[in-house]
């Protein structure tokens, strides 16, 4: 029997995504990291290649009968934006303000 490969799902809309995706193709949300639905461990998608490195979810049989995410968590908050978004938006705002003041 071939080894089962871990499956990845968008935390926001629940659709299945590829391991290397940085954005959800369905809802467009940015993935800062991958989070294990069983133990909450978060990290880069490459460390989840063989399942969760902390608890073995999707490899050692835990959750192998599940076909998708457990569903949205009612009180979960999305991860903060990557650090580089804030200076990038600030620079764009300053540039637009400078252009508006020049004209």
PDB file of N, CA and C in Angstrom:
ATOM      1  N   UNK A   1       0.847  -1.177   0.000  1.00  0.00           N
ATOM      2  CA  UNK A   1       0.000   0.000   0.000  1.00  0.00           C
ATOM      3  C   UNK A   1       0.895   1.244   0.000  1.00  0.00           C
ATOM      4  N   UNK A   2       0.682   2.151  -0.967  1.00  0.00           N
ATOM      5  CA  UNK A   2       1.527   3.346  -1.022  1.00  0.00           C
ATOM      6  C   UNK A   2       1.296   4.252   0.178  1.00  0.00           C
ATOM      7  N   UNK A   3       2.360   4.959   0.553  1.00  0.00           N
ATOM      8  CA  UNK A   3       2.263   5.881   1.691  1.00  0.00           C
ATOM      9  C   UNK A   3       1.330   7.030   1.349  1.00  0.00           C
ATOM     10  N   UNK A   4       0.540   7.417   2.324  1.00  0.00           N
ATOM     11  CA  UNK A   4      -0.378   8.535   2.113  1.00  0.00           C
ATOM     12  C   UNK A   4       0.391   9.839   2.214  1.00  0.00           C
ATOM     13  N   UNK A   5       0.094  10.734   1.302  1.00  0.00           N
ATOM     14  CA  UNK A   5       0.712  12.056   1.335  1.00  0.00           C
ATOM     15  C   UNK A   5      -0.202  12.983   2.117  1.00  0.00           C
ATOM     16  N   UNK A   6       0.376  13.912   2.872  1.00  0.00           N
ATOM     17  CA  UNK A   6      -0.466  14.865   3.596  1.00  0.00           C
ATOM     18  C   UNK A   6      -1.201  15.765   2.616  1.00  0.00           C
ATOM     19  N   UNK A   7      -2.395  16.174   3.012  1.00  0.00           N
ATOM     20  CA  UNK A   7      -3.194  17.091   2.209  1.00  0.00           C
ATOM     21  C   UNK A   7      -3.237  18.420   2.938  1.00  0.00           C
ATOM     22  N   UNK A   8      -3.316  19.493   2.191  1.00  0.00           N
ATOM     23  CA  UNK A   8      -3.295  20.834   2.749  1.00  0.00           C
ATOM     24  C   UNK A   8      -4.596  21.540   2.413  1.00  0.00           C
ATOM     25  N   UNK A   9      -5.119  22.282   3.390  1.00  0.00           N
ATOM     26  CA  UNK A   9      -6.387  22.979   3.234  1.00  0.00           C
ATOM     27  C   UNK A   9      -6.252  24.418   3.698  1.00  0.00           C
ATOM     28  N   UNK A  10      -7.002  25.302   3.046  1.00  0.00           N
ATOM     29  CA  UNK A  10      -7.034  26.704   3.450  1.00  0.00           C
ATOM     30  C   UNK A  10      -7.737  26.811   4.794  1.00  0.00           C
ATOM     31  N   UNK A  11      -7.114  27.497   5.732  1.00  0.00           N
ATOM     32  CA  UNK A  11      -7.687  27.667   7.067  1.00  0.00           C
ATOM     33  C   UNK A  11      -8.909  28.585   7.040  1.00  0.00           C
ATOM     34  N   UNK A  12      -9.012  29.409   6.003  1.00  0.00           N
ATOM     35  CA  UNK A  12     -10.072  30.402   5.944  1.00  0.00           C
ATOM     36  C   UNK A  12     -11.337  29.882   5.259  1.00  0.00           C
ATOM     37  N   UNK A  13     -11.182  29.196   4.085  1.00  0.00           N
ATOM     38  CA  UNK A  13     -12.378  28.751   3.358  1.00  0.00           C
ATOM     39  C   UNK A  13     -12.523  27.236   3.319  1.00  0.00           C
ATOM     40  N   UNK A  14     -11.472  26.491   3.682  1.00  0.00           N
ATOM     41  CA  UNK A  14     -11.560  25.043   3.753  1.00  0.00           C
ATOM     42  C   UNK A  14     -11.256  24.306   2.461  1.00  0.00           C
ATOM     43  N   UNK A  15     -10.957  25.010   1.368  1.00  0.00           N
ATOM     44  CA  UNK A  15     -10.691  24.320   0.112  1.00  0.00           C
ATOM     45  C   UNK A  15      -9.288  23.711   0.126  1.00  0.00           C
ATOM     46  N   UNK A  16      -9.139  22.611  -0.607  1.00  0.00           N
ATOM     47  CA  UNK A  16      -7.839  21.950  -0.665  1.00  0.00           C
ATOM     48  C   UNK A  16      -6.887  22.780  -1.519  1.00  0.00           C
ATOM     49  N   UNK A  17      -5.642  22.895  -1.068  1.00  0.00           N
ATOM     50  CA  UNK A  17      -4.624  23.665  -1.787  1.00  0.00           C
ATOM     51  C   UNK A  17      -3.384  22.801  -1.952  1.00  0.00           C
ATOM     52  N   UNK A  18      -2.515  23.198  -2.870  1.00  0.00           N
ATOM     53  CA  UNK A  18      -1.256  22.485  -3.067  1.00  0.00           C
ATOM     54  C   UNK A  18      -0.272  22.884  -1.973  1.00  0.00           C
ATOM     55  N   UNK A  19       0.683  22.015  -1.701  1.00  0.00           N
ATOM     56  CA  UNK A  19       1.645  22.258  -0.623  1.00  0.00           C
ATOM     57  C   UNK A  19       2.424  23.546  -0.830  1.00  0.00           C
ATOM     58  N   UNK A  20       2.784  23.878  -2.027  1.00  0.00           N
ATOM     59  CA  UNK A  20       3.629  25.046  -2.303  1.00  0.00           C
ATOM     60  C   UNK A  20       2.832  26.335  -2.511  1.00  0.00           C
ATOM     61  N   UNK A  21       1.503  26.286  -2.476  1.00  0.00           N
ATOM     62  CA  UNK A  21       0.701  27.494  -2.691  1.00  0.00           C
ATOM     63  C   UNK A  21       0.979  28.533  -1.613  1.00  0.00           C
ATOM     64  N   UNK A  22       1.069  29.787  -2.019  1.00  0.00           N
ATOM     65  CA  UNK A  22       1.251  30.900  -1.086  1.00  0.00           C
ATOM     66  C   UNK A  22      -0.058  31.652  -0.875  1.00  0.00           C
ATOM     67  N   UNK A  23      -1.000  31.457  -1.805  1.00  0.00           N
ATOM     68  CA  UNK A  23      -2.321  32.071  -1.723  1.00  0.00           C
ATOM     69  C   UNK A  23      -3.357  30.998  -2.006  1.00  0.00           C
ATOM     70  N   UNK A  24      -4.527  31.117  -1.411  1.00  0.00           N
ATOM     71  CA  UNK A  24      -5.615  30.187  -1.689  1.00  0.00           C
ATOM     72  C   UNK A  24      -6.206  30.535  -3.055  1.00  0.00           C
ATOM     73  N   UNK A  25      -6.318  29.556  -3.973  1.00  0.00           N
ATOM     74  CA  UNK A  25      -6.881  29.858  -5.284  1.00  0.00           C
ATOM     75  C   UNK A  25      -8.379  30.167  -5.230  1.00  0.00           C
ATOM     76  N   UNK A  26      -9.035  29.771  -4.157  1.00  0.00           N
ATOM     77  CA  UNK A  26     -10.476  30.017  -4.049  1.00  0.00           C
ATOM     78  C   UNK A  26     -10.795  31.361  -3.397  1.00  0.00           C
ATOM     79  N   UNK A  27     -10.209  31.635  -2.223  1.00  0.00           N
ATOM     80  CA  UNK A  27     -10.564  32.869  -1.501  1.00  0.00           C
ATOM     81  C   UNK A  27      -9.479  33.937  -1.576  1.00  0.00           C
ATOM     82  N   UNK A  28      -8.273  33.582  -2.045  1.00  0.00           N
ATOM     83  CA  UNK A  28      -7.207  34.558  -2.217  1.00  0.00           C
ATOM     84  C   UNK A  28      -6.435  34.917  -0.960  1.00  0.00           C
ATOM     85  N   UNK A  29      -6.689  34.252   0.160  1.00  0.00           N
ATOM     86  CA  UNK A  29      -5.974  34.568   1.399  1.00  0.00           C
ATOM     87  C   UNK A  29      -4.516  34.119   1.306  1.00  0.00           C
ATOM     88  N   UNK A  30      -3.631  34.904   1.922  1.00  0.00           N
ATOM     89  CA  UNK A  30      -2.191  34.638   1.946  1.00  0.00           C
ATOM     90  C   UNK A  30      -1.879  33.639   3.054  1.00  0.00           C
ATOM     91  N   UNK A  31      -0.998  32.674   2.752  1.00  0.00           N
ATOM     92  CA  UNK A  31      -0.572  31.705   3.755  1.00  0.00           C
ATOM     93  C   UNK A  31       0.783  32.119   4.309  1.00  0.00           C
ATOM     94  N   UNK A  32       0.824  32.515   5.572  1.00  0.00           N
ATOM     95  CA  UNK A  32       2.096  32.851   6.205  1.00  0.00           C
ATOM     96  C   UNK A  32       2.825  31.576   6.618  1.00  0.00           C
ATOM     97  N   UNK A  33       2.072  30.542   6.979  1.00  0.00           N
ATOM     98  CA  UNK A  33       2.667  29.273   7.377  1.00  0.00           C
ATOM     99  C   UNK A  33       1.592  28.200   7.325  1.00  0.00           C
ATOM    100  N   UNK A  34       2.010  26.963   7.548  1.00  0.00           N
ATOM    101  CA  UNK A  34       1.093  25.829   7.618  1.00  0.00           C
ATOM    102  C   UNK A  34       0.883  25.516   9.089  1.00  0.00           C
ATOM    103  N   UNK A  35      -0.374  25.228   9.475  1.00  0.00           N
ATOM    104  CA  UNK A  35      -0.674  24.905  10.867  1.00  0.00           C
ATOM    105  C   UNK A  35      -1.325  23.521  10.924  1.00  0.00           C
ATOM    106  N   UNK A  36      -0.843  22.698  11.835  1.00  0.00           N
ATOM    107  CA  UNK A  36      -1.405  21.367  12.038  1.00  0.00           C
ATOM    108  C   UNK A  36      -2.771  21.495  12.699  1.00  0.00           C
ATOM    109  N   UNK A  37      -3.810  20.858  12.137  1.00  0.00           N
ATOM    110  CA  UNK A  37      -5.129  20.948  12.761  1.00  0.00           C
ATOM    111  C   UNK A  37      -5.250  20.137  14.046  1.00  0.00           C
ATOM    112  N   UNK A  38      -4.318  19.205  14.272  1.00  0.00           N
ATOM    113  CA  UNK A  38      -4.398  18.371  15.470  1.00  0.00           C
ATOM    114  C   UNK A  38      -3.723  19.014  16.680  1.00  0.00           C
ATOM    115  N   UNK A  39      -2.489  19.535  16.488  1.00  0.00           N
ATOM    116  CA  UNK A  39      -1.748  20.050  17.649  1.00  0.00           C
ATOM    117  C   UNK A  39      -1.474  21.548  17.590  1.00  0.00           C
ATOM    118  N   UNK A  40      -1.705  22.177  16.434  1.00  0.00           N
ATOM    119  CA  UNK A  40      -1.498  23.614  16.312  1.00  0.00           C
ATOM    120  C   UNK A  40      -0.083  24.029  15.946  1.00  0.00           C
ATOM    121  N   UNK A  41       0.837  23.074  15.764  1.00  0.00           N
ATOM    122  CA  UNK A  41       2.206  23.405  15.374  1.00  0.00           C
ATOM    123  C   UNK A  41       2.178  24.133  14.038  1.00  0.00           C
ATOM    124  N   UNK A  42       2.948  25.215  13.914  1.00  0.00           N
ATOM    125  CA  UNK A  42       2.995  25.993  12.674  1.00  0.00           C
ATOM    126  C   UNK A  42       4.420  26.070  12.164  1.00  0.00           C
ATOM    127  N   UNK A  43       4.562  26.038  10.852  1.00  0.00           N
ATOM    128  CA  UNK A  43       5.876  26.146  10.239  1.00  0.00           C
ATOM    129  C   UNK A  43       5.757  26.203   8.734  1.00  0.00           C
ATOM    130  N   UNK A  44       6.887  26.213   8.058  1.00  0.00           N
ATOM    131  CA  UNK A  44       6.921  26.246   6.604  1.00  0.00           C
ATOM    132  C   UNK A  44       6.351  24.944   6.044  1.00  0.00           C
ATOM    133  N   UNK A  45       5.780  25.005   4.849  1.00  0.00           N
ATOM    134  CA  UNK A  45       5.154  23.815   4.277  1.00  0.00           C
ATOM    135  C   UNK A  45       6.154  22.683   4.061  1.00  0.00           C
ATOM    136  N   UNK A  46       7.435  23.006   3.879  1.00  0.00           N
ATOM    137  CA  UNK A  46       8.431  21.963   3.643  1.00  0.00           C
ATOM    138  C   UNK A  46       8.609  21.042   4.853  1.00  0.00           C
ATOM    139  N   UNK A  47       8.393  21.532   6.061  1.00  0.00           N
ATOM    140  CA  UNK A  47       8.539  20.673   7.241  1.00  0.00           C
ATOM    141  C   UNK A  47       7.341  19.746   7.412  1.00  0.00           C
ATOM    142  N   UNK A  48       6.256  20.001   6.685  1.00  0.00           N
ATOM    143  CA  UNK A  48       5.064  19.158   6.744  1.00  0.00           C
ATOM    144  C   UNK A  48       5.015  18.153   5.591  1.00  0.00           C
ATOM    145  N   UNK A  49       6.107  18.007   4.858  1.00  0.00           N
ATOM    146  CA  UNK A  49       6.154  17.126   3.691  1.00  0.00           C
ATOM    147  C   UNK A  49       5.707  15.711   4.048  1.00  0.00           C
ATOM    148  N   UNK A  50       6.067  15.237   5.229  1.00  0.00           N
ATOM    149  CA  UNK A  50       5.708  13.892   5.666  1.00  0.00           C
ATOM    150  C   UNK A  50       4.680  13.910   6.788  1.00  0.00           C
ATOM    151  N   UNK A  51       3.939  14.990   6.915  1.00  0.00           N
ATOM    152  CA  UNK A  51       2.972  15.144   7.997  1.00  0.00           C
ATOM    153  C   UNK A  51       3.523  16.091   9.049  1.00  0.00           C
ATOM    154  N   UNK A  52       2.797  16.256  10.126  1.00  0.00           N
ATOM    155  CA  UNK A  52       3.209  17.185  11.180  1.00  0.00           C
ATOM    156  C   UNK A  52       4.454  16.657  11.895  1.00  0.00           C
ATOM    157  N   UNK A  53       5.524  17.469  11.969  1.00  0.00           N
ATOM    158  CA  UNK A  53       6.730  17.007  12.658  1.00  0.00           C
ATOM    159  C   UNK A  53       6.566  16.928  14.168  1.00  0.00           C
ATOM    160  N   UNK A  54       5.570  17.603  14.725  1.00  0.00           N
ATOM    161  CA  UNK A  54       5.385  17.597  16.179  1.00  0.00           C
ATOM    162  C   UNK A  54       4.563  16.406  16.654  1.00  0.00           C
ATOM    163  N   UNK A  55       3.467  16.109  15.943  1.00  0.00           N
ATOM    164  CA  UNK A  55       2.582  15.046  16.435  1.00  0.00           C
ATOM    165  C   UNK A  55       2.380  13.904  15.442  1.00  0.00           C
ATOM    166  N   UNK A  56       2.865  14.054  14.215  1.00  0.00           N
ATOM    167  CA  UNK A  56       2.715  12.994  13.227  1.00  0.00           C
ATOM    168  C   UNK A  56       1.369  12.967  12.537  1.00  0.00           C
ATOM    169  N   UNK A  57       0.560  13.985  12.705  1.00  0.00           N
ATOM    170  CA  UNK A  57      -0.767  14.033  12.083  1.00  0.00           C
ATOM    171  C   UNK A  57      -0.657  13.776  10.585  1.00  0.00           C
ATOM    172  N   UNK A  58      -1.547  12.952  10.061  1.00  0.00           N
ATOM    173  CA  UNK A  58      -1.641  12.576   8.652  1.00  0.00           C
ATOM    174  C   UNK A  58      -0.585  11.561   8.241  1.00  0.00           C
ATOM    175  N   UNK A  59       0.243  11.085   9.174  1.00  0.00           N
ATOM    176  CA  UNK A  59       1.250  10.090   8.832  1.00  0.00           C
ATOM    177  C   UNK A  59       1.084   8.833   9.676  1.00  0.00           C
ATOM    178  N   UNK A  60       0.972   9.001  10.988  1.00  0.00           N
ATOM    179  CA  UNK A  60       0.932   7.834  11.866  1.00  0.00           C
ATOM    180  C   UNK A  60      -0.484   7.317  12.109  1.00  0.00           C
ATOM    181  N   UNK A  61      -1.433   7.732  11.273  1.00  0.00           N
ATOM    182  CA  UNK A  61      -2.787   7.231  11.421  1.00  0.00           C
ATOM    183  C   UNK A  61      -3.732   8.202  12.075  1.00  0.00           C
ATOM    184  N   UNK A  62      -3.227   9.180  12.800  1.00  0.00           N
ATOM    185  CA  UNK A  62      -4.111  10.170  13.422  1.00  0.00           C
ATOM    186  C   UNK A  62      -4.748  10.997  12.329  1.00  0.00           C
ATOM    187  N   UNK A  63      -6.054  10.951  12.274  1.00  0.00           N
ATOM    188  CA  UNK A  63      -6.764  11.773  11.310  1.00  0.00           C
ATOM    189  C   UNK A  63      -6.751  11.209   9.906  1.00  0.00           C
ATOM    190  N   UNK A  64      -6.270   9.982   9.708  1.00  0.00           N
ATOM    191  CA  UNK A  64      -6.185   9.446   8.359  1.00  0.00           C
ATOM    192  C   UNK A  64      -7.555   9.196   7.748  1.00  0.00           C
ATOM    193  N   UNK A  65      -8.609   9.134   8.578  1.00  0.00           N
ATOM    194  CA  UNK A  65      -9.947   8.927   8.050  1.00  0.00           C
ATOM    195  C   UNK A  65     -10.639  10.233   7.709  1.00  0.00           C
ATOM    196  N   UNK A  66      -9.980  11.339   7.912  1.00  0.00           N
ATOM    197  CA  UNK A  66     -10.580  12.637   7.621  1.00  0.00           C
ATOM    198  C   UNK A  66     -10.317  12.999   6.175  1.00  0.00           C
ATOM    199  N   UNK A  67     -11.297  13.586   5.526  1.00  0.00           N
ATOM    200  CA  UNK A  67     -11.116  13.980   4.138  1.00  0.00           C
ATOM    201  C   UNK A  67     -10.899  15.464   3.989  1.00  0.00           C
ATOM    202  N   UNK A  68     -10.998  16.225   5.056  1.00  0.00           N
ATOM    203  CA  UNK A  68     -10.827  17.664   4.948  1.00  0.00           C
ATOM    204  C   UNK A  68     -10.564  18.255   6.299  1.00  0.00           C
ATOM    205  N   UNK A  69     -10.561  19.587   6.352  1.00  0.00           N
ATOM    206  CA  UNK A  69     -10.309  20.247   7.632  1.00  0.00           C
ATOM    207  C   UNK A  69     -11.465  20.037   8.593  1.00  0.00           C
ATOM    208  N   UNK A  70     -11.190  20.261   9.860  1.00  0.00           N
ATOM    209  CA  UNK A  70     -12.219  20.072  10.874  1.00  0.00           C
ATOM    210  C   UNK A  70     -13.283  21.150  10.819  1.00  0.00           C
ATOM    211  N   UNK A  71     -13.062  22.157  10.036  1.00  0.00           N
ATOM    212  CA  UNK A  71     -14.017  23.256   9.944  1.00  0.00           C
ATOM    213  C   UNK A  71     -13.437  24.500  10.555  1.00  0.00           C
ATOM    214  N   UNK A  72     -14.104  25.604  10.315  1.00  0.00           N
ATOM    215  CA  UNK A  72     -13.612  26.870  10.862  1.00  0.00           C
ATOM    216  C   UNK A  72     -13.746  26.872  12.370  1.00  0.00           C
ATOM    217  N   UNK A  73     -12.738  27.396  13.020  1.00  0.00           N
ATOM    218  CA  UNK A  73     -12.808  27.568  14.457  1.00  0.00           C
ATOM    219  C   UNK A  73     -13.502  28.880  14.726  1.00  0.00           C
ATOM    220  N   UNK A  74     -14.486  28.869  15.577  1.00  0.00           N
ATOM    221  CA  UNK A  74     -15.279  30.056  15.833  1.00  0.00           C
ATOM    222  C   UNK A  74     -14.501  31.230  16.373  1.00  0.00           C
ATOM    223  N   UNK A  75     -13.541  30.997  17.236  1.00  0.00           N
ATOM    224  CA  UNK A  75     -12.821  32.106  17.842  1.00  0.00           C
ATOM    225  C   UNK A  75     -11.404  32.267  17.295  1.00  0.00           C
ATOM    226  N   UNK A  76     -11.087  31.603  16.199  1.00  0.00           N
ATOM    227  CA  UNK A  76      -9.749  31.714  15.630  1.00  0.00           C
ATOM    228  C   UNK A  76      -9.581  33.061  14.943  1.00  0.00           C
ATOM    229  N   UNK A  77      -8.402  33.628  15.108  1.00  0.00           N
ATOM    230  CA  UNK A  77      -8.102  34.873  14.418  1.00  0.00           C
ATOM    231  C   UNK A  77      -7.051  34.580  13.365  1.00  0.00           C
ATOM    232  N   UNK A  78      -7.136  35.230  12.221  1.00  0.00           N
ATOM    233  CA  UNK A  78      -6.150  34.964  11.183  1.00  0.00           C
ATOM    234  C   UNK A  78      -4.760  35.429  11.603  1.00  0.00           C
ATOM    235  N   UNK A  79      -3.762  34.792  11.024  1.00  0.00           N
ATOM    236  CA  UNK A  79      -2.382  35.188  11.312  1.00  0.00           C
ATOM    237  C   UNK A  79      -2.164  36.621  10.864  1.00  0.00           C
ATOM    238  N   UNK A  80      -1.267  37.340  11.533  1.00  0.00           N
ATOM    239  CA  UNK A  80      -0.967  38.706  11.101  1.00  0.00           C
ATOM    240  C   UNK A  80      -0.299  38.684   9.731  1.00  0.00           C
ATOM    241  N   UNK A  81      -0.348  39.805   9.066  1.00  0.00           N
ATOM    242  CA  UNK A  81       0.295  39.912   7.760  1.00  0.00           C
ATOM    243  C   UNK A  81       1.803  39.780   7.907  1.00  0.00           C
ATOM    244  N   UNK A  82       2.481  39.372   6.838  1.00  0.00           N
ATOM    245  CA  UNK A  82       3.945  39.317   6.900  1.00  0.00           C
ATOM    246  C   UNK A  82       4.514  40.693   7.210  1.00  0.00           C
ATOM    247  N   UNK A  83       5.656  40.742   7.862  1.00  0.00           N
ATOM    248  CA  UNK A  83       6.244  42.002   8.320  1.00  0.00           C
ATOM    249  C   UNK A  83       6.492  42.980   7.186  1.00  0.00           C
ATOM    250  N   UNK A  84       6.818  42.492   5.992  1.00  0.00           N
ATOM    251  CA  UNK A  84       7.187  43.379   4.896  1.00  0.00           C
ATOM    252  C   UNK A  84       5.997  44.114   4.295  1.00  0.00           C
ATOM    253  N   UNK A  85       4.784  43.679   4.590  1.00  0.00           N
ATOM    254  CA  UNK A  85       3.594  44.355   4.054  1.00  0.00           C
ATOM    255  C   UNK A  85       3.498  45.780   4.594  1.00  0.00           C
ATOM    256  N   UNK A  86       3.767  45.976   5.867  1.00  0.00           N
ATOM    257  CA  UNK A  86       3.606  47.295   6.487  1.00  0.00           C
ATOM    258  C   UNK A  86       4.533  48.353   5.878  1.00  0.00           C
ATOM    259  N   UNK A  87       5.847  48.094   5.747  1.00  0.00           N
ATOM    260  CA  UNK A  87       6.673  49.122   5.102  1.00  0.00           C
ATOM    261  C   UNK A  87       6.328  49.321   3.623  1.00  0.00           C
ATOM    262  N   UNK A  88       5.931  48.251   2.935  1.00  0.00           N
ATOM    263  CA  UNK A  88       5.576  48.386   1.521  1.00  0.00           C
ATOM    264  C   UNK A  88       4.361  49.287   1.346  1.00  0.00           C
ATOM    265  N   UNK A  89       3.327  49.074   2.153  1.00  0.00           N
ATOM    266  CA  UNK A  89       2.127  49.909   2.069  1.00  0.00           C
ATOM    267  C   UNK A  89       2.449  51.342   2.477  1.00  0.00           C
ATOM    268  N   UNK A  90       3.293  51.507   3.474  1.00  0.00           N
ATOM    269  CA  UNK A  90       3.683  52.858   3.901  1.00  0.00           C
ATOM    270  C   UNK A  90       4.404  53.602   2.783  1.00  0.00           C
ATOM    271  N   UNK A  91       5.329  52.932   2.094  1.00  0.00           N
ATOM    272  CA  UNK A  91       6.042  53.562   0.988  1.00  0.00           C
ATOM    273  C   UNK A  91       5.097  53.938  -0.149  1.00  0.00           C
ATOM    274  N   UNK A  92       4.159  53.077  -0.452  1.00  0.00           N
ATOM    275  CA  UNK A  92       3.181  53.383  -1.501  1.00  0.00           C
ATOM    276  C   UNK A  92       2.342  54.589  -1.100  1.00  0.00           C
ATOM    277  N   UNK A  93       1.903  54.623   0.137  1.00  0.00           N
ATOM    278  CA  UNK A  93       1.103  55.753   0.615  1.00  0.00           C
ATOM    279  C   UNK A  93       1.895  57.054   0.541  1.00  0.00           C
ATOM    280  N   UNK A  94       3.152  57.026   0.966  1.00  0.00           N
ATOM    281  CA  UNK A  94       3.992  58.227   0.931  1.00  0.00           C
ATOM    282  C   UNK A  94       4.208  58.680  -0.515  1.00  0.00           C
ATOM    283  N   UNK A  95       4.437  57.734  -1.417  1.00  0.00           N
ATOM    284  CA  UNK A  95       4.630  58.081  -2.827  1.00  0.00           C
ATOM    285  C   UNK A  95       3.370  58.712  -3.412  1.00  0.00           C
ATOM    286  N   UNK A  96       2.212  58.150  -3.118  1.00  0.00           N
ATOM    287  CA  UNK A  96       0.957  58.720  -3.613  1.00  0.00           C
ATOM    288  C   UNK A  96       0.714  60.107  -3.030  1.00  0.00           C
ATOM    289  N   UNK A  97       1.017  60.283  -1.769  1.00  0.00           N
ATOM    290  CA  UNK A  97       0.856  61.587  -1.133  1.00  0.00           C
ATOM    291  C   UNK A  97       1.795  62.615  -1.766  1.00  0.00           C
ATOM    292  N   UNK A  98       3.030  62.222  -2.031  1.00  0.00           N
ATOM    293  CA  UNK A  98       3.992  63.129  -2.669  1.00  0.00           C
ATOM    294  C   UNK A  98       3.534  63.510  -4.075  1.00  0.00           C
ATOM    295  N   UNK A  99       3.037  62.559  -4.825  1.00  0.00           N
ATOM    296  CA  UNK A  99       2.531  62.840  -6.175  1.00  0.00           C
ATOM    297  C   UNK A  99       1.344  63.788  -6.112  1.00  0.00           C
ATOM    298  N   UNK A 100       0.451  63.569  -5.161  1.00  0.00           N
ATOM    299  CA  UNK A 100      -0.728  64.435  -5.024  1.00  0.00           C
ATOM    300  C   UNK A 100      -0.321  65.856  -4.644  1.00  0.00           C
ATOM    301  N   UNK A 101       0.687  66.017  -3.810  1.00  0.00           N
ATOM    302  CA  UNK A 101       1.125  67.350  -3.391  1.00  0.00           C
ATOM    303  C   UNK A 101       1.879  68.081  -4.500  1.00  0.00           C
ATOM    304  N   UNK A 102       2.577  67.341  -5.342  1.00  0.00           N
ATOM    305  CA  UNK A 102       3.321  67.951  -6.447  1.00  0.00           C
ATOM    306  C   UNK A 102       2.359  68.488  -7.507  1.00  0.00           C
ATOM    307  N   UNK A 103       1.285  67.795  -7.751  1.00  0.00           N
ATOM    308  CA  UNK A 103       0.343  68.217  -8.799  1.00  0.00           C
ATOM    309  C   UNK A 103      -0.687  69.062  -8.167  1.00  0.00           C
TER     310      UNK A 103
END
